[in-house]
Amino acid sequence: MTSISDTSNFFKRADYNEDYWNNYLAARPDYDQPFYQTIYDYHRSHKGLTETAHDVATGPGQVAAELSSHFNHVVASDVNPTHLAVAEHRLGSIISSQKVSLLQCSAEEIADKYPPCSADLIAAAECLPLMDANKVIQSFSTVLKPNGTLAIWFYGRPIFAEPKYADKCQPLLESILDLSFAKVIKGGGPQHKAGWKRATDRMTSFLDDVELKSDVWHDVERRKWNSKHAMPFYGPEACDFEISPSSAIGSEEKVVEKDEAGFWQRRWDLAGVKRFVSVNLPTFDENDRNEQVEGKYEKLGQAMGGNGAVRRITWPVVLILASKK
């Protein structure tokens, strides 16, 4: 059974397991070049420099690797030492070339580790729901130079993109995710519950609750793909608290929404779905088998088209871009 500790840091891998991280990256969407180009174009349009970038909550380091091809130096930070060990292994050559340096540090503490106005761009991928947004945004604004760019993005639960299959497949997948997450969400102490509620509220809000004050930031853009779909990886059935979405979108901010079934598209068979679920959180117990979940997987395989069938998958995504005044 999965054990529950009273901590808000629930995305943490305690051991270095190469198979886990290989499966993690294989199961997740690829941040493609058109997506990164959106960030680079925004940065360039605000006369941002390309000296130093920060990749916050770097995990296995794939964002830091990409940024290193556009910036002279990249700081890849993470609060979890095991994650940094994975990044160091995967980024060996560019770390050796001093294009990337590693730092064990929470996002909230970045301003304590680096001088004010020392970074040209800060990227925060797939992490803001885990953090104290007010402290993090303050920290980022301190470290960024004037005209520096903040790029925050997050993707949520997979979406079956083909209407012919979505009506049957999507509810089964969401039921599997609810059952899997309920085991790690329900029943923890106060810090555990507060961390999960913060994350769930923020995902449900599509990160609209992240405030970017107009006296610090300008030209704020919130770009959303497939936002008619729920973002949290699980629903209310997995939670033992009330979900409370909110919005802090300023009156001058630009919001762009697109329905795009091909966005970051993956093609999964049933094994691909299982892989995604199994690595969704490092705290999931890979040996914990649930007859109810296995039964739903059997039904999902049939709904996907039977043995060997491959279905198209997309994602709900939000990208927040802001330039520091």
Protein backbone atom coordinates (compact mmCIF):
# COMPACT_ATOMS: atom_id res chain seq x y z
CA MET A 1 0.00 0.00 0.00
CA THR A 2 1.07 3.60 -0.59
CA SER A 3 2.11 5.32 2.62
CA ILE A 4 1.04 8.89 3.33
CA SER A 5 3.34 11.30 5.14
CA ASP A 6 2.38 14.77 6.34
CA THR A 7 4.19 16.87 3.77
CA SER A 8 3.18 19.21 0.97
CA ASN A 9 6.15 18.03 -1.15
CA PHE A 10 4.39 15.08 -2.71
CA PHE A 11 6.21 15.11 -6.06
CA LYS A 12 9.47 13.64 -4.81
CA ARG A 13 11.35 10.54 -5.86
CA ALA A 14 13.39 9.25 -2.93
CA ASP A 15 15.67 6.97 -4.95
CA TYR A 16 17.44 7.23 -8.28
CA ASN A 17 15.51 4.85 -10.51
CA GLU A 18 16.54 5.19 -14.15
CA ASP A 19 13.60 3.10 -15.37
CA TYR A 20 11.16 5.42 -13.60
CA TRP A 21 12.57 8.54 -15.29
CA ASN A 22 12.76 6.87 -18.71
CA ASN A 23 9.09 5.92 -18.40
CA TYR A 24 8.22 9.34 -16.97
CA LEU A 25 9.63 11.14 -20.00
CA ALA A 26 8.18 8.63 -22.45
CA ALA A 27 4.72 9.02 -20.95
CA ARG A 28 4.68 12.81 -20.82
CA PRO A 29 4.08 15.24 -23.69
CA ASP A 30 7.01 16.67 -25.60
CA TYR A 31 7.37 20.43 -25.36
CA ASP A 32 7.83 20.94 -29.08
CA GLN A 33 9.81 23.62 -30.93
CA PRO A 34 6.77 25.72 -31.94
CA PHE A 35 5.89 25.96 -28.23
CA TYR A 36 9.39 27.01 -27.22
CA GLN A 37 9.47 29.42 -30.16
CA THR A 38 6.40 31.16 -28.74
CA ILE A 39 8.41 31.83 -25.58
CA TYR A 40 11.54 32.93 -27.46
CA ASP A 41 9.53 35.25 -29.73
CA TYR A 42 7.86 36.85 -26.73
CA HIS A 43 11.23 37.29 -25.02
CA ARG A 44 12.78 38.81 -28.12
CA SER A 45 9.84 41.18 -28.64
CA HIS A 46 10.53 42.66 -25.19
CA LYS A 47 14.23 43.09 -25.96
CA GLY A 48 15.16 40.34 -23.53
CA LEU A 49 18.81 39.32 -23.38
CA THR A 50 20.15 35.78 -23.73
CA GLU A 51 22.83 35.65 -21.06
CA THR A 52 21.27 33.69 -18.19
CA ALA A 53 18.12 31.59 -17.88
CA HIS A 54 16.75 29.69 -14.90
CA ASP A 55 14.89 26.39 -15.20
CA VAL A 56 13.00 26.10 -11.92
CA ALA A 57 12.00 22.64 -10.65
CA THR A 58 14.10 21.12 -13.41
CA GLY A 59 13.28 17.47 -12.64
CA PRO A 60 15.13 15.37 -15.24
CA GLY A 61 16.38 18.54 -16.94
CA GLN A 62 14.73 18.46 -20.36
CA VAL A 63 13.79 22.16 -20.24
CA ALA A 64 17.29 23.18 -19.13
CA ALA A 65 18.72 21.24 -22.08
CA GLU A 66 16.51 23.15 -24.51
CA LEU A 67 17.23 26.55 -22.95
CA SER A 68 20.99 25.89 -23.13
CA SER A 69 20.78 26.12 -26.92
CA HIS A 70 19.45 29.70 -26.69
CA PHE A 71 21.11 31.15 -23.58
CA ASN A 72 24.77 31.46 -22.65
CA HIS A 73 24.17 29.83 -19.28
CA VAL A 74 21.27 28.01 -17.62
CA VAL A 75 20.76 27.46 -13.90
CA ALA A 76 18.75 24.26 -13.34
CA SER A 77 17.34 24.16 -9.83
CA ASP A 78 15.21 21.72 -7.89
CA VAL A 79 14.35 21.32 -4.22
CA ASN A 80 14.75 17.52 -4.46
CA PRO A 81 18.36 16.23 -4.56
CA THR A 82 17.38 13.00 -6.31
CA HIS A 83 15.89 14.98 -9.17
CA LEU A 84 19.13 16.93 -9.51
CA ALA A 85 21.07 13.67 -9.63
CA VAL A 86 18.88 12.59 -12.55
CA ALA A 87 19.42 15.93 -14.30
CA GLU A 88 23.17 15.68 -13.74
CA HIS A 89 23.22 12.22 -15.31
CA ARG A 90 21.13 13.26 -18.31
CA LEU A 91 22.81 16.63 -18.89
CA GLY A 92 26.37 15.41 -18.35
CA SER A 93 28.01 16.91 -21.43
CA ILE A 94 26.41 20.35 -21.22
CA ILE A 95 27.12 20.51 -17.49
CA SER A 96 30.75 19.65 -18.22
CA SER A 97 30.84 22.46 -20.77
CA GLN A 98 29.52 24.81 -18.07
CA LYS A 99 26.47 25.69 -20.15
CA VAL A 100 24.27 24.39 -17.32
CA SER A 101 24.84 24.51 -13.57
CA LEU A 102 22.78 22.72 -10.92
CA LEU A 103 21.38 24.19 -7.72
CA GLN A 104 19.44 22.53 -4.91
CA CYS A 105 16.94 25.19 -4.01
CA SER A 106 13.19 25.73 -3.81
CA ALA A 107 11.61 28.22 -6.19
CA GLU A 108 10.62 30.34 -3.22
CA GLU A 109 14.32 30.69 -2.29
CA ILE A 110 15.76 31.61 -5.69
CA ALA A 111 16.07 35.28 -4.68
CA ASP A 112 18.15 34.23 -1.67
CA LYS A 113 20.63 32.39 -3.88
CA TYR A 114 21.06 34.81 -6.82
CA PRO A 115 21.51 38.57 -7.02
CA PRO A 116 18.66 40.87 -8.00
CA CYS A 117 18.29 41.52 -11.71
CA SER A 118 20.61 38.66 -12.71
CA ALA A 119 18.39 36.50 -14.95
CA ASP A 120 17.03 37.14 -18.42
CA LEU A 121 14.40 34.41 -18.43
CA ILE A 122 12.84 32.13 -15.82
CA ALA A 123 11.01 28.99 -16.93
CA ALA A 124 8.74 27.16 -14.51
CA ALA A 125 7.35 24.06 -16.21
CA GLU A 126 4.80 21.74 -14.63
CA CYS A 127 5.43 22.95 -11.07
CA LEU A 128 3.41 26.01 -9.99
CA PRO A 129 0.56 24.01 -8.38
CA LEU A 130 3.15 22.60 -5.96
CA MET A 131 4.34 26.02 -4.80
CA ASP A 132 3.39 29.08 -2.79
CA ALA A 133 2.57 31.24 -5.80
CA ASN A 134 2.84 34.62 -4.07
CA LYS A 135 6.31 33.85 -2.68
CA VAL A 136 7.46 32.32 -5.94
CA ILE A 137 6.33 35.23 -8.11
CA GLN A 138 7.99 37.68 -5.72
CA SER A 139 11.20 35.66 -5.86
CA PHE A 140 11.10 35.53 -9.66
CA SER A 141 10.48 39.27 -9.98
CA THR A 142 13.51 39.97 -7.78
CA VAL A 143 15.90 37.83 -9.81
CA LEU A 144 14.70 38.85 -13.28
CA LYS A 145 16.22 41.83 -15.07
CA PRO A 146 13.98 44.58 -16.44
CA ASN A 147 12.49 43.24 -19.69
CA GLY A 148 13.21 39.74 -18.43
CA THR A 149 10.65 37.07 -19.26
CA LEU A 150 8.72 34.79 -16.93
CA ALA A 151 7.36 31.67 -18.66
CA ILE A 152 5.11 29.40 -16.60
CA TRP A 153 3.38 26.41 -18.12
CA PHE A 154 1.40 23.42 -17.02
CA TYR A 155 -0.43 20.55 -18.68
CA GLY A 156 -3.11 18.38 -17.14
CA ARG A 157 -4.85 15.07 -17.62
CA PRO A 158 -4.59 13.30 -20.98
CA ILE A 159 -7.51 13.71 -23.36
CA PHE A 160 -8.63 11.11 -25.90
CA ALA A 161 -8.63 13.32 -29.00
CA GLU A 162 -10.83 11.25 -31.34
CA PRO A 163 -14.55 11.92 -30.74
CA LYS A 164 -15.44 8.40 -31.87
CA TYR A 165 -13.55 6.95 -28.90
CA ALA A 166 -13.52 9.79 -26.36
CA ASP A 167 -17.07 9.29 -25.06
CA LYS A 168 -16.26 5.81 -23.76
CA CYS A 169 -12.52 6.04 -23.16
CA GLN A 170 -12.29 9.35 -21.30
CA PRO A 171 -14.63 8.44 -18.39
CA LEU A 172 -12.80 5.14 -17.90
CA LEU A 173 -9.40 6.85 -17.83
CA GLU A 174 -10.66 9.47 -15.39
CA SER A 175 -12.10 6.78 -13.13
CA ILE A 176 -8.73 4.98 -13.13
CA LEU A 177 -6.95 8.24 -12.26
CA ASP A 178 -9.44 8.98 -9.47
CA LEU A 179 -8.91 5.57 -7.90
CA SER A 180 -5.12 5.86 -8.21
CA PHE A 181 -4.88 9.37 -6.80
CA ALA A 182 -7.40 8.83 -4.00
CA LYS A 183 -4.95 6.45 -2.35
CA VAL A 184 -2.30 9.17 -2.05
CA ILE A 185 -4.53 12.21 -1.54
CA LYS A 186 -6.99 11.10 1.12
CA GLY A 187 -6.11 10.63 4.75
CA GLY A 188 -2.96 12.68 5.29
CA GLY A 189 -2.19 15.29 7.94
CA PRO A 190 -2.74 19.07 7.75
CA GLN A 191 0.30 19.86 5.58
CA HIS A 192 -0.50 17.00 3.24
CA LYS A 193 -4.10 18.13 2.81
CA ALA A 194 -3.16 21.79 2.43
CA GLY A 195 -0.61 20.95 -0.28
CA TRP A 196 -3.07 18.85 -2.25
CA LYS A 197 -5.84 21.44 -1.91
CA ARG A 198 -3.55 24.22 -3.14
CA ALA A 199 -2.48 22.11 -6.12
CA THR A 200 -6.04 21.06 -6.94
CA ASP A 201 -7.47 24.57 -6.65
CA ARG A 202 -4.71 25.91 -8.92
CA MET A 203 -5.09 23.22 -11.57
CA THR A 204 -8.88 23.61 -11.53
CA SER A 205 -8.35 27.36 -12.01
CA PHE A 206 -6.08 26.73 -15.03
CA LEU A 207 -3.51 28.75 -13.06
CA ASP A 208 -5.76 31.82 -13.30
CA ASP A 209 -5.25 32.26 -9.55
CA VAL A 210 -1.56 33.11 -10.07
CA GLU A 211 -1.44 36.89 -9.63
CA LEU A 212 0.93 39.00 -11.72
CA LYS A 213 0.68 42.53 -10.35
CA SER A 214 0.55 45.30 -12.91
CA ASP A 215 3.09 47.44 -11.06
CA VAL A 216 5.70 44.70 -11.53
CA TRP A 217 4.72 42.95 -14.77
CA HIS A 218 3.42 44.04 -18.14
CA ASP A 219 2.18 42.49 -21.37
CA VAL A 220 0.92 39.44 -19.47
CA GLU A 221 -0.41 36.71 -21.75
CA ARG A 222 -2.29 33.58 -20.72
CA ARG A 223 -2.43 31.13 -23.59
CA LYS A 224 -4.66 28.11 -23.12
CA TRP A 225 -5.12 25.02 -25.22
CA ASN A 226 -8.11 22.67 -24.83
CA SER A 227 -9.34 24.57 -21.78
CA LYS A 228 -12.87 23.19 -22.08
CA HIS A 229 -11.40 20.04 -20.56
CA ALA A 230 -10.58 19.78 -16.86
CA MET A 231 -6.92 20.23 -16.01
CA PRO A 232 -6.45 18.29 -12.73
CA PHE A 233 -5.23 14.74 -13.21
CA TYR A 234 -8.09 13.58 -10.96
CA GLY A 235 -11.60 14.69 -10.05
CA PRO A 236 -13.44 15.59 -6.83
CA GLU A 237 -13.99 11.88 -6.09
CA ALA A 238 -10.27 11.54 -5.33
CA CYS A 239 -10.29 14.39 -2.80
CA ASP A 240 -11.32 14.76 0.83
CA PHE A 241 -11.57 18.56 0.66
CA GLU A 242 -13.65 21.14 -1.18
CA ILE A 243 -12.18 22.38 -4.46
CA SER A 244 -12.23 26.18 -4.78
CA PRO A 245 -11.13 27.65 -8.12
CA SER A 246 -10.38 31.36 -8.34
CA SER A 247 -9.05 34.00 -10.71
CA ALA A 248 -6.55 36.83 -10.34
CA ILE A 249 -6.46 37.78 -14.03
CA GLY A 250 -5.81 41.49 -14.41
CA SER A 251 -7.94 43.73 -16.60
CA GLU A 252 -5.05 44.42 -19.00
CA GLU A 253 -3.94 40.82 -19.41
CA LYS A 254 -4.39 39.02 -22.72
CA VAL A 255 -6.13 35.64 -22.66
CA VAL A 256 -6.04 33.42 -25.76
CA GLU A 257 -7.90 30.09 -25.87
CA LYS A 258 -7.67 27.45 -28.57
CA ASP A 259 -9.23 24.02 -29.04
CA GLU A 260 -6.51 22.01 -30.75
CA ALA A 261 -6.87 18.24 -30.80
CA GLY A 262 -3.39 17.83 -32.25
CA PHE A 263 -1.58 19.88 -29.61
CA TRP A 264 1.43 17.94 -28.26
CA GLN A 265 -0.30 14.86 -29.62
CA ARG A 266 0.83 11.42 -28.52
CA ARG A 267 -0.31 8.01 -29.77
CA TRP A 268 -0.93 5.46 -27.02
CA ASP A 269 -1.99 1.86 -26.85
CA LEU A 270 -3.30 0.53 -23.54
CA ALA A 271 0.25 -0.07 -22.32
CA GLY A 272 0.96 3.61 -22.93
CA VAL A 273 -2.02 4.62 -20.82
CA LYS A 274 -0.88 2.33 -18.01
CA ARG A 275 2.63 3.73 -18.19
CA PHE A 276 1.34 7.28 -17.85
CA VAL A 277 -0.75 6.42 -14.80
CA SER A 278 2.01 4.42 -13.12
CA VAL A 279 4.57 7.26 -13.31
CA ASN A 280 2.16 10.13 -12.72
CA LEU A 281 3.51 10.57 -9.20
CA PRO A 282 6.81 9.24 -7.84
CA THR A 283 4.92 8.15 -4.72
CA PHE A 284 2.67 5.73 -6.59
CA ASP A 285 3.36 2.15 -5.53
CA GLU A 286 4.10 0.22 -8.72
CA ASN A 287 3.42 -3.08 -6.93
CA ASP A 288 0.03 -2.04 -5.55
CA ARG A 289 -2.51 -3.84 -7.71
CA ASN A 290 -6.21 -3.00 -7.44
CA GLU A 291 -8.80 -5.37 -8.91
CA GLN A 292 -11.20 -2.50 -9.55
CA VAL A 293 -8.56 -0.58 -11.48
CA GLU A 294 -7.51 -3.67 -13.43
CA GLY A 295 -11.13 -4.27 -14.39
CA LYS A 296 -11.42 -0.71 -15.68
CA TYR A 297 -8.21 -1.13 -17.67
CA GLU A 298 -9.76 -4.19 -19.33
CA LYS A 299 -12.82 -2.15 -20.28
CA LEU A 300 -10.64 0.73 -21.46
CA GLY A 301 -8.65 -1.57 -23.74
CA GLN A 302 -11.87 -2.73 -25.35
CA ALA A 303 -13.17 0.83 -25.68
CA MET A 304 -9.89 1.88 -27.34
CA GLY A 305 -10.50 -0.69 -30.07
CA GLY A 306 -9.17 -3.95 -28.70
CA ASN A 307 -5.76 -5.58 -28.55
CA GLY A 308 -3.00 -3.39 -30.02
CA ALA A 309 -5.28 -0.45 -30.82
CA VAL A 310 -3.58 2.95 -30.73
CA ARG A 311 -5.45 6.15 -29.97
CA ARG A 312 -4.53 9.82 -30.28
CA ILE A 313 -3.99 11.75 -27.04
CA THR A 314 -3.81 15.50 -26.40
CA TRP A 315 -3.69 17.72 -23.29
CA PRO A 316 -5.15 20.77 -21.61
CA VAL A 317 -2.28 23.28 -21.38
CA VAL A 318 -1.73 26.79 -20.10
CA LEU A 319 1.27 29.02 -20.81
CA ILE A 320 1.67 32.28 -18.88
CA LEU A 321 4.10 34.85 -20.26
CA ALA A 322 5.01 38.06 -18.46
CA SER A 323 7.69 40.71 -18.88
CA LYS A 324 9.18 42.42 -15.85
CA LYS A 325 8.92 46.19 -15.87
